[in-house]
Amino acid sequence: MRRLSWLASLVLAGLPGLAWSHCSRVLEVPVAPIGLAVTATDGKVGGIYPELLRNLAEEPGCEMNFTLVPRARQEYLFENGQADLLVPARRSPRRDQSGEFIPLIKSRVMFVSLHALPNELHSITELLKRHELRVVLVRGYDYGNAYLALIKVLEAQGRLLWSTDPISVIRSLEADMAELTILTPTVLTGAMRADSKYSAQVDQLHYQSVDELPWGDSGVYISKKSSLSEADRQQLRQWLHHLGQSGATWRAFQRYYPEQTLGQTIRPY
């Protein structure tokens, strides 16, 4: 409860004078576990984003229905108008077709491995030359057009292994089924910290930047396709813009993630 209270005071203090009215209906927000950004403990949804959103919605009496689904299912529901929000989400051209993006932080995707990678491996171009390196990815993640194009080539080369969540990724790396993954490192370290079997291995991870996957915006998508009223969309738009400008999301990441390398992969917006 102390963490919830801290987040509530952090957010509300950063949003002076923000006016809210009641939402016209319960907001549907399917989510998938993703590090400490979204957690699932005994079927209960928690983590940075659900707590920030719950605390902001509580004052005006708006209700959010968080449901746990695999990440690929979360994307499907969003694309088909069955989810009001997609959170958290990196901005991408494909997602822009289905929703209006509100940035909250900056994030960077990296090559991540349990063993040291070749020093020159800092680009998708170099990765594609290294046919001995197999890659494991989480189905449903989208880091833009260069990432999606890479997936097609890796699949054609027979070098791609799919996982359903970050913990499945670390299991694949540990079992030598793949040499590396591509994601925002906090996704993986957060999941590992929450699992006693893998928490001690966080400091063993190796990171390398990817030239074709620079810093990008990460935040929340408001659905263009769901049955949200325009008044509800306007409320969400105002609320999330204020949240992004307050810096509360970045400060929450700083509190949840103790590693000194956090600034290499997450920055304030």
C-alpha atoms as a PDB file:
ATOM      1  CA  MET A   1       0.000   0.000   0.000  1.00  0.00           C
ATOM      2  CA  ARG A   2       2.937   2.337   0.632  1.00  0.00           C
ATOM      3  CA  ARG A   3       3.962   2.084  -3.028  1.00  0.00           C
ATOM      4  CA  LEU A   4       0.410   2.810  -4.161  1.00  0.00           C
ATOM      5  CA  SER A   5       0.200   5.822  -1.862  1.00  0.00           C
ATOM      6  CA  TRP A   6       3.559   7.094  -3.088  1.00  0.00           C
ATOM      7  CA  LEU A   7       2.488   6.817  -6.721  1.00  0.00           C
ATOM      8  CA  ALA A   8      -0.816   8.528  -6.012  1.00  0.00           C
ATOM      9  CA  SER A   9       0.835  11.498  -4.329  1.00  0.00           C
ATOM     10  CA  LEU A  10       3.530  11.638  -7.001  1.00  0.00           C
ATOM     11  CA  VAL A  11       1.063  11.807  -9.857  1.00  0.00           C
ATOM     12  CA  LEU A  12      -1.499  14.088  -8.300  1.00  0.00           C
ATOM     13  CA  ALA A  13       1.158  16.516  -7.102  1.00  0.00           C
ATOM     14  CA  GLY A  14       2.422  16.798 -10.650  1.00  0.00           C
ATOM     15  CA  LEU A  15      -0.990  17.509 -12.157  1.00  0.00           C
ATOM     16  CA  PRO A  16      -2.320  20.656 -10.498  1.00  0.00           C
ATOM     17  CA  GLY A  17      -5.782  21.762 -11.486  1.00  0.00           C
ATOM     18  CA  LEU A  18      -6.519  18.760 -13.698  1.00  0.00           C
ATOM     19  CA  ALA A  19     -10.292  18.516 -14.033  1.00  0.00           C
ATOM     20  CA  TRP A  20     -12.052  15.190 -14.566  1.00  0.00           C
ATOM     21  CA  SER A  21     -15.631  14.127 -14.924  1.00  0.00           C
ATOM     22  CA  HIS A  22     -17.035  10.640 -14.569  1.00  0.00           C
ATOM     23  CA  CYS A  23     -16.378   8.282 -17.468  1.00  0.00           C
ATOM     24  CA  SER A  24     -19.473   7.184 -19.345  1.00  0.00           C
ATOM     25  CA  ARG A  25     -18.617   3.510 -18.870  1.00  0.00           C
ATOM     26  CA  VAL A  26     -15.971   1.128 -17.522  1.00  0.00           C
ATOM     27  CA  LEU A  27     -12.756   1.416 -19.547  1.00  0.00           C
ATOM     28  CA  GLU A  28     -11.499  -1.905 -20.941  1.00  0.00           C
ATOM     29  CA  VAL A  29      -7.728  -2.281 -20.598  1.00  0.00           C
ATOM     30  CA  PRO A  30      -6.310  -5.742 -21.380  1.00  0.00           C
ATOM     31  CA  VAL A  31      -2.649  -5.978 -20.355  1.00  0.00           C
ATOM     32  CA  ALA A  32       0.210  -8.461 -20.534  1.00  0.00           C
ATOM     33  CA  PRO A  33       3.008  -8.814 -17.956  1.00  0.00           C
ATOM     34  CA  ILE A  34       6.011  -6.795 -19.108  1.00  0.00           C
ATOM     35  CA  GLY A  35       8.779  -6.482 -16.558  1.00  0.00           C
ATOM     36  CA  LEU A  36       7.788  -4.242 -13.659  1.00  0.00           C
ATOM     37  CA  ALA A  37       5.786  -1.974 -15.966  1.00  0.00           C
ATOM     38  CA  VAL A  38       2.885  -4.453 -15.742  1.00  0.00           C
ATOM     39  CA  THR A  39       2.956  -7.315 -13.241  1.00  0.00           C
ATOM     40  CA  ALA A  40       0.647 -10.237 -12.479  1.00  0.00           C
ATOM     41  CA  THR A  41       0.667 -11.706  -8.963  1.00  0.00           C
ATOM     42  CA  ASP A  42      -1.931 -14.356  -8.157  1.00  0.00           C
ATOM     43  CA  GLY A  43      -4.015 -13.051 -11.038  1.00  0.00           C
ATOM     44  CA  LYS A  44      -3.904  -9.458  -9.777  1.00  0.00           C
ATOM     45  CA  VAL A  45      -2.641  -6.768 -12.137  1.00  0.00           C
ATOM     46  CA  GLY A  46      -0.073  -4.314 -10.781  1.00  0.00           C
ATOM     47  CA  GLY A  47       3.109  -2.545 -11.802  1.00  0.00           C
ATOM     48  CA  ILE A  48       4.036   0.978 -12.877  1.00  0.00           C
ATOM     49  CA  TYR A  49       1.389   1.662 -15.524  1.00  0.00           C
ATOM     50  CA  PRO A  50      -1.679   0.064 -13.890  1.00  0.00           C
ATOM     51  CA  GLU A  51      -0.896   1.831 -10.613  1.00  0.00           C
ATOM     52  CA  LEU A  52      -0.415   5.211 -12.295  1.00  0.00           C
ATOM     53  CA  LEU A  53      -3.659   4.820 -14.244  1.00  0.00           C
ATOM     54  CA  ARG A  54      -5.683   3.520 -11.288  1.00  0.00           C
ATOM     55  CA  ASN A  55      -4.579   6.354  -9.038  1.00  0.00           C
ATOM     56  CA  LEU A  56      -5.448   8.996 -11.597  1.00  0.00           C
ATOM     57  CA  ALA A  57      -8.824   7.441 -12.375  1.00  0.00           C
ATOM     58  CA  GLU A  58      -9.804   6.982  -8.734  1.00  0.00           C
ATOM     59  CA  GLU A  59     -10.453  10.654  -7.950  1.00  0.00           C
ATOM     60  CA  PRO A  60     -13.097  11.242 -10.640  1.00  0.00           C
ATOM     61  CA  GLY A  61     -14.599   7.802 -10.016  1.00  0.00           C
ATOM     62  CA  CYS A  62     -13.639   6.303 -13.375  1.00  0.00           C
ATOM     63  CA  GLU A  63     -13.248   2.538 -13.396  1.00  0.00           C
ATOM     64  CA  MET A  64     -10.684   0.606 -15.429  1.00  0.00           C
ATOM     65  CA  ASN A  65     -11.100  -3.106 -16.001  1.00  0.00           C
ATOM     66  CA  PHE A  66      -7.591  -4.562 -16.292  1.00  0.00           C
ATOM     67  CA  THR A  67      -7.586  -8.103 -17.692  1.00  0.00           C
ATOM     68  CA  LEU A  68      -4.549 -10.333 -18.156  1.00  0.00           C
ATOM     69  CA  VAL A  69      -3.905 -11.652 -21.656  1.00  0.00           C
ATOM     70  CA  PRO A  70      -0.838 -12.710 -23.669  1.00  0.00           C
ATOM     71  CA  ARG A  71       0.846  -9.798 -25.446  1.00  0.00           C
ATOM     72  CA  ALA A  72      -0.189 -11.010 -28.910  1.00  0.00           C
ATOM     73  CA  ARG A  73      -3.810 -11.190 -27.710  1.00  0.00           C
ATOM     74  CA  GLN A  74      -3.535  -7.680 -26.234  1.00  0.00           C
ATOM     75  CA  GLU A  75      -2.441  -6.341 -29.618  1.00  0.00           C
ATOM     76  CA  TYR A  76      -5.278  -8.207 -31.375  1.00  0.00           C
ATOM     77  CA  LEU A  77      -7.922  -6.776 -29.033  1.00  0.00           C
ATOM     78  CA  PHE A  78      -6.568  -3.271 -29.543  1.00  0.00           C
ATOM     79  CA  GLU A  79      -6.438  -3.573 -33.328  1.00  0.00           C
ATOM     80  CA  ASN A  80     -10.027  -4.843 -33.408  1.00  0.00           C
ATOM     81  CA  GLY A  81     -11.564  -2.179 -31.160  1.00  0.00           C
ATOM     82  CA  GLN A  82     -12.069  -4.432 -28.138  1.00  0.00           C
ATOM     83  CA  ALA A  83      -9.602  -2.516 -25.946  1.00  0.00           C
ATOM     84  CA  ASP A  84      -9.896   1.176 -25.049  1.00  0.00           C
ATOM     85  CA  LEU A  85      -6.199   1.553 -24.222  1.00  0.00           C
ATOM     86  CA  LEU A  86      -2.981  -0.172 -25.275  1.00  0.00           C
ATOM     87  CA  VAL A  87      -0.442   0.180 -22.472  1.00  0.00           C
ATOM     88  CA  PRO A  88       2.495   0.222 -22.358  1.00  0.00           C
ATOM     89  CA  ALA A  89       3.313   0.628 -26.036  1.00  0.00           C
ATOM     90  CA  ARG A  90       6.194   1.871 -28.129  1.00  0.00           C
ATOM     91  CA  ARG A  91       4.970   4.128 -30.926  1.00  0.00           C
ATOM     92  CA  SER A  92       4.936   2.405 -34.323  1.00  0.00           C
ATOM     93  CA  PRO A  93       3.331   3.044 -37.740  1.00  0.00           C
ATOM     94  CA  ARG A  94       1.219  -0.108 -37.452  1.00  0.00           C
ATOM     95  CA  ARG A  95      -0.243   0.907 -34.091  1.00  0.00           C
ATOM     96  CA  ASP A  96      -0.885   4.461 -35.310  1.00  0.00           C
ATOM     97  CA  GLN A  97      -3.552   3.012 -37.617  1.00  0.00           C
ATOM     98  CA  SER A  98      -5.611   1.825 -34.639  1.00  0.00           C
ATOM     99  CA  GLY A  99      -5.036   4.450 -31.977  1.00  0.00           C
ATOM    100  CA  GLU A 100      -3.937   7.915 -30.906  1.00  0.00           C
ATOM    101  CA  PHE A 101      -0.560   7.824 -29.198  1.00  0.00           C
ATOM    102  CA  ILE A 102       0.267   9.765 -26.001  1.00  0.00           C
ATOM    103  CA  PRO A 103       3.987   9.684 -25.073  1.00  0.00           C
ATOM    104  CA  LEU A 104       5.045   9.227 -21.444  1.00  0.00           C
ATOM    105  CA  ILE A 105       8.756   8.308 -21.609  1.00  0.00           C
ATOM    106  CA  LYS A 106      11.599   7.659 -24.045  1.00  0.00           C
ATOM    107  CA  SER A 107      12.883   4.108 -24.434  1.00  0.00           C
ATOM    108  CA  ARG A 108      15.599   2.310 -26.370  1.00  0.00           C
ATOM    109  CA  VAL A 109      15.645  -1.229 -27.713  1.00  0.00           C
ATOM    110  CA  MET A 110      18.885  -3.193 -27.421  1.00  0.00           C
ATOM    111  CA  PHE A 111      20.463  -6.556 -28.149  1.00  0.00           C
ATOM    112  CA  VAL A 112      20.370  -8.468 -24.843  1.00  0.00           C
ATOM    113  CA  SER A 113      22.176 -11.719 -24.072  1.00  0.00           C
ATOM    114  CA  LEU A 114      23.454 -13.870 -21.221  1.00  0.00           C
ATOM    115  CA  HIS A 115      26.890 -14.106 -22.820  1.00  0.00           C
ATOM    116  CA  ALA A 116      29.111 -11.449 -24.340  1.00  0.00           C
ATOM    117  CA  LEU A 117      28.256 -10.649 -27.948  1.00  0.00           C
ATOM    118  CA  PRO A 118      30.751  -9.750 -30.698  1.00  0.00           C
ATOM    119  CA  ASN A 119      31.971  -6.175 -30.168  1.00  0.00           C
ATOM    120  CA  GLU A 120      31.018  -5.175 -33.701  1.00  0.00           C
ATOM    121  CA  LEU A 121      27.417  -6.344 -33.288  1.00  0.00           C
ATOM    122  CA  HIS A 122      25.644  -2.973 -33.120  1.00  0.00           C
ATOM    123  CA  SER A 123      23.314  -3.167 -36.102  1.00  0.00           C
ATOM    124  CA  ILE A 124      20.641  -5.276 -37.722  1.00  0.00           C
ATOM    125  CA  THR A 125      22.865  -5.379 -40.795  1.00  0.00           C
ATOM    126  CA  GLU A 126      25.658  -7.035 -38.794  1.00  0.00           C
ATOM    127  CA  LEU A 127      23.225  -9.403 -37.082  1.00  0.00           C
ATOM    128  CA  LEU A 128      21.994 -10.661 -40.442  1.00  0.00           C
ATOM    129  CA  LYS A 129      25.570 -11.532 -41.400  1.00  0.00           C
ATOM    130  CA  ARG A 130      26.004 -13.615 -38.259  1.00  0.00           C
ATOM    131  CA  HIS A 131      24.069 -16.713 -39.256  1.00  0.00           C
ATOM    132  CA  GLU A 132      25.268 -18.569 -36.151  1.00  0.00           C
ATOM    133  CA  LEU A 133      23.330 -16.184 -33.874  1.00  0.00           C
ATOM    134  CA  ARG A 134      19.776 -17.280 -33.147  1.00  0.00           C
ATOM    135  CA  VAL A 135      17.241 -14.754 -31.859  1.00  0.00           C
ATOM    136  CA  VAL A 136      14.311 -15.161 -29.458  1.00  0.00           C
ATOM    137  CA  LEU A 137      11.542 -12.532 -29.484  1.00  0.00           C
ATOM    138  CA  VAL A 138       8.246 -11.978 -27.688  1.00  0.00           C
ATOM    139  CA  ARG A 139       5.281 -12.387 -30.010  1.00  0.00           C
ATOM    140  CA  GLY A 140       3.260  -9.163 -30.226  1.00  0.00           C
ATOM    141  CA  TYR A 141       6.111  -6.711 -29.552  1.00  0.00           C
ATOM    142  CA  ASP A 142       6.541  -3.991 -32.167  1.00  0.00           C
ATOM    143  CA  TYR A 143       9.511  -1.632 -32.286  1.00  0.00           C
ATOM    144  CA  GLY A 144       8.840  -0.159 -35.715  1.00  0.00           C
ATOM    145  CA  ASN A 145       9.353  -0.994 -39.367  1.00  0.00           C
ATOM    146  CA  ALA A 146      13.044  -1.974 -39.129  1.00  0.00           C
ATOM    147  CA  TYR A 147      12.194  -4.468 -36.385  1.00  0.00           C
ATOM    148  CA  LEU A 148       9.271  -5.951 -38.320  1.00  0.00           C
ATOM    149  CA  ALA A 149      11.417  -6.269 -41.445  1.00  0.00           C
ATOM    150  CA  LEU A 150      14.097  -8.057 -39.417  1.00  0.00           C
ATOM    151  CA  ILE A 151      11.516 -10.577 -38.200  1.00  0.00           C
ATOM    152  CA  LYS A 152      10.677 -11.574 -41.765  1.00  0.00           C
ATOM    153  CA  VAL A 153      14.329 -12.176 -42.652  1.00  0.00           C
ATOM    154  CA  LEU A 154      15.092 -14.120 -39.468  1.00  0.00           C
ATOM    155  CA  GLU A 155      12.049 -16.321 -40.044  1.00  0.00           C
ATOM    156  CA  ALA A 156      13.144 -16.995 -43.621  1.00  0.00           C
ATOM    157  CA  GLN A 157      16.619 -17.925 -42.365  1.00  0.00           C
ATOM    158  CA  GLY A 158      15.216 -20.248 -39.691  1.00  0.00           C
ATOM    159  CA  ARG A 159      16.948 -18.277 -36.924  1.00  0.00           C
ATOM    160  CA  LEU A 160      13.908 -16.994 -35.020  1.00  0.00           C
ATOM    161  CA  LEU A 161      12.311 -18.468 -31.909  1.00  0.00           C
ATOM    162  CA  TRP A 162       9.057 -17.026 -30.548  1.00  0.00           C
ATOM    163  CA  SER A 163       8.211 -16.653 -26.858  1.00  0.00           C
ATOM    164  CA  THR A 164       5.021 -15.581 -25.135  1.00  0.00           C
ATOM    165  CA  ASP A 165       6.574 -13.397 -22.403  1.00  0.00           C
ATOM    166  CA  PRO A 166       9.913 -12.090 -21.067  1.00  0.00           C
ATOM    167  CA  ILE A 167      10.456 -15.006 -18.650  1.00  0.00           C
ATOM    168  CA  SER A 168      10.108 -17.427 -21.565  1.00  0.00           C
ATOM    169  CA  VAL A 169      12.812 -15.381 -23.306  1.00  0.00           C
ATOM    170  CA  ILE A 170      15.291 -15.784 -20.439  1.00  0.00           C
ATOM    171  CA  ARG A 171      14.520 -19.509 -20.284  1.00  0.00           C
ATOM    172  CA  SER A 172      15.347 -19.824 -23.974  1.00  0.00           C
ATOM    173  CA  LEU A 173      18.615 -17.926 -23.530  1.00  0.00           C
ATOM    174  CA  GLU A 174      19.524 -19.994 -20.482  1.00  0.00           C
ATOM    175  CA  ALA A 175      18.813 -23.240 -22.363  1.00  0.00           C
ATOM    176  CA  ASP A 176      21.023 -22.116 -25.296  1.00  0.00           C
ATOM    177  CA  MET A 177      18.049 -22.214 -27.656  1.00  0.00           C
ATOM    178  CA  ALA A 178      19.007 -18.693 -28.772  1.00  0.00           C
ATOM    179  CA  GLU A 179      21.981 -16.381 -28.307  1.00  0.00           C
ATOM    180  CA  LEU A 180      20.198 -13.057 -27.948  1.00  0.00           C
ATOM    181  CA  THR A 181      16.932 -11.177 -27.796  1.00  0.00           C
ATOM    182  CA  ILE A 182      15.874  -7.705 -28.913  1.00  0.00           C
ATOM    183  CA  LEU A 183      13.789  -5.579 -26.537  1.00  0.00           C
ATOM    184  CA  THR A 184      13.873  -2.762 -24.036  1.00  0.00           C
ATOM    185  CA  PRO A 185      16.142  -4.193 -21.304  1.00  0.00           C
ATOM    186  CA  THR A 186      13.889  -3.125 -18.426  1.00  0.00           C
ATOM    187  CA  VAL A 187      11.245  -5.497 -19.811  1.00  0.00           C
ATOM    188  CA  LEU A 188      13.576  -8.416 -19.174  1.00  0.00           C
ATOM    189  CA  THR A 189      15.260  -7.233 -15.971  1.00  0.00           C
ATOM    190  CA  GLY A 190      11.916  -6.382 -14.384  1.00  0.00           C
ATOM    191  CA  ALA A 191      10.529  -9.850 -15.088  1.00  0.00           C
ATOM    192  CA  MET A 192      13.698 -11.443 -13.747  1.00  0.00           C
ATOM    193  CA  ARG A 193      13.682  -9.366 -10.551  1.00  0.00           C
ATOM    194  CA  ALA A 194      10.121 -10.507  -9.875  1.00  0.00           C
ATOM    195  CA  ASP A 195      11.075 -14.194 -10.241  1.00  0.00           C
ATOM    196  CA  SER A 196      13.324 -15.607  -7.503  1.00  0.00           C
ATOM    197  CA  LYS A 197      14.675 -18.235  -9.910  1.00  0.00           C
ATOM    198  CA  TYR A 198      16.180 -15.582 -12.182  1.00  0.00           C
ATOM    199  CA  SER A 199      16.693 -12.488  -9.998  1.00  0.00           C
ATOM    200  CA  ALA A 200      20.359 -13.291  -9.330  1.00  0.00           C
ATOM    201  CA  GLN A 201      21.097 -13.375 -13.069  1.00  0.00           C
ATOM    202  CA  VAL A 202      20.144  -9.765 -13.785  1.00  0.00           C
ATOM    203  CA  ASP A 203      23.746  -8.602 -13.387  1.00  0.00           C
ATOM    204  CA  GLN A 204      24.905 -11.256 -15.871  1.00  0.00           C
ATOM    205  CA  LEU A 205      23.038  -9.704 -18.804  1.00  0.00           C
ATOM    206  CA  HIS A 206      24.939  -8.035 -21.636  1.00  0.00           C
ATOM    207  CA  TYR A 207      23.541  -5.098 -23.635  1.00  0.00           C
ATOM    208  CA  GLN A 208      24.440  -3.573 -26.980  1.00  0.00           C
ATOM    209  CA  SER A 209      22.705  -0.730 -28.774  1.00  0.00           C
ATOM    210  CA  VAL A 210      21.193  -1.257 -32.242  1.00  0.00           C
ATOM    211  CA  ASP A 211      21.905   1.407 -34.879  1.00  0.00           C
ATOM    212  CA  GLU A 212      18.578   0.921 -36.680  1.00  0.00           C
ATOM    213  CA  LEU A 213      16.537   0.991 -33.443  1.00  0.00           C
ATOM    214  CA  PRO A 214      17.242   4.390 -31.828  1.00  0.00           C
ATOM    215  CA  TRP A 215      15.491   6.072 -28.914  1.00  0.00           C
ATOM    216  CA  GLY A 216      11.725   6.227 -29.415  1.00  0.00           C
ATOM    217  CA  ASP A 217       8.554   7.327 -27.667  1.00  0.00           C
ATOM    218  CA  SER A 218       6.753   4.942 -25.335  1.00  0.00           C
ATOM    219  CA  GLY A 219       3.421   5.470 -23.621  1.00  0.00           C
ATOM    220  CA  VAL A 220      -0.276   4.767 -24.164  1.00  0.00           C
ATOM    221  CA  TYR A 221      -2.527   4.411 -27.192  1.00  0.00           C
ATOM    222  CA  ILE A 222      -6.164   5.532 -27.019  1.00  0.00           C
ATOM    223  CA  SER A 223      -8.220   3.361 -29.353  1.00  0.00           C
ATOM    224  CA  LYS A 224      -9.743   4.904 -32.471  1.00  0.00           C
ATOM    225  CA  LYS A 225     -11.898   1.816 -32.999  1.00  0.00           C
ATOM    226  CA  SER A 226     -13.493   1.043 -29.622  1.00  0.00           C
ATOM    227  CA  SER A 227     -16.898   2.324 -28.503  1.00  0.00           C
ATOM    228  CA  LEU A 228     -15.412   5.121 -26.386  1.00  0.00           C
ATOM    229  CA  SER A 229     -17.435   8.309 -26.543  1.00  0.00           C
ATOM    230  CA  GLU A 230     -15.686  11.429 -27.823  1.00  0.00           C
ATOM    231  CA  ALA A 231     -16.054  12.954 -24.359  1.00  0.00           C
ATOM    232  CA  ASP A 232     -14.242   9.976 -22.827  1.00  0.00           C
ATOM    233  CA  ARG A 233     -11.503  10.204 -25.449  1.00  0.00           C
ATOM    234  CA  GLN A 234     -11.035  13.888 -24.703  1.00  0.00           C
ATOM    235  CA  GLN A 235     -10.803  13.160 -20.971  1.00  0.00           C
ATOM    236  CA  LEU A 236      -8.221  10.443 -21.561  1.00  0.00           C
ATOM    237  CA  ARG A 237      -6.287  12.665 -23.935  1.00  0.00           C
ATOM    238  CA  GLN A 238      -6.116  15.490 -21.370  1.00  0.00           C
ATOM    239  CA  TRP A 239      -5.282  13.143 -18.522  1.00  0.00           C
ATOM    240  CA  LEU A 240      -2.493  11.287 -20.324  1.00  0.00           C
ATOM    241  CA  HIS A 241      -0.922  14.451 -21.745  1.00  0.00           C
ATOM    242  CA  HIS A 242      -0.691  15.856 -18.228  1.00  0.00           C
ATOM    243  CA  LEU A 243       0.743  12.561 -16.981  1.00  0.00           C
ATOM    244  CA  GLY A 244       3.450  12.672 -19.639  1.00  0.00           C
ATOM    245  CA  GLN A 245       4.331  16.294 -18.903  1.00  0.00           C
ATOM    246  CA  SER A 246       4.531  15.689 -15.149  1.00  0.00           C
ATOM    247  CA  GLY A 247       7.528  13.324 -15.356  1.00  0.00           C
ATOM    248  CA  ALA A 248       5.741  10.913 -12.997  1.00  0.00           C
ATOM    249  CA  THR A 249       6.342   7.898 -15.238  1.00  0.00           C
ATOM    250  CA  TRP A 250      10.099   8.450 -15.284  1.00  0.00           C
ATOM    251  CA  ARG A 251      10.221   8.876 -11.509  1.00  0.00           C
ATOM    252  CA  ALA A 252       8.210   5.681 -11.083  1.00  0.00           C
ATOM    253  CA  PHE A 253      10.731   3.802 -13.235  1.00  0.00           C
ATOM    254  CA  GLN A 254      13.549   5.185 -11.102  1.00  0.00           C
ATOM    255  CA  ARG A 255      11.846   3.878  -7.975  1.00  0.00           C
ATOM    256  CA  TYR A 256      11.077   0.418  -9.370  1.00  0.00           C
ATOM    257  CA  TYR A 257      14.391  -0.170 -11.168  1.00  0.00           C
ATOM    258  CA  PRO A 258      17.514   0.145  -9.005  1.00  0.00           C
ATOM    259  CA  GLU A 259      20.105  -0.549 -11.720  1.00  0.00           C
ATOM    260  CA  GLN A 260      22.508   2.258 -12.532  1.00  0.00           C
ATOM    261  CA  THR A 261      22.145   1.453 -16.228  1.00  0.00           C
ATOM    262  CA  LEU A 262      18.471   2.528 -16.294  1.00  0.00           C
ATOM    263  CA  GLY A 263      19.309   5.762 -18.101  1.00  0.00           C
ATOM    264  CA  GLN A 264      20.807   3.781 -20.990  1.00  0.00           C
ATOM    265  CA  THR A 265      17.393   2.410 -21.922  1.00  0.00           C
ATOM    266  CA  ILE A 266      14.735   4.677 -20.312  1.00  0.00           C
ATOM    267  CA  ARG A 267      14.653   8.483 -20.262  1.00  0.00           C
ATOM    268  CA  PRO A 268      12.103  11.121 -19.256  1.00  0.00           C
ATOM    269  CA  TYR A 269       9.986  12.399 -22.123  1.00  0.00           C
END
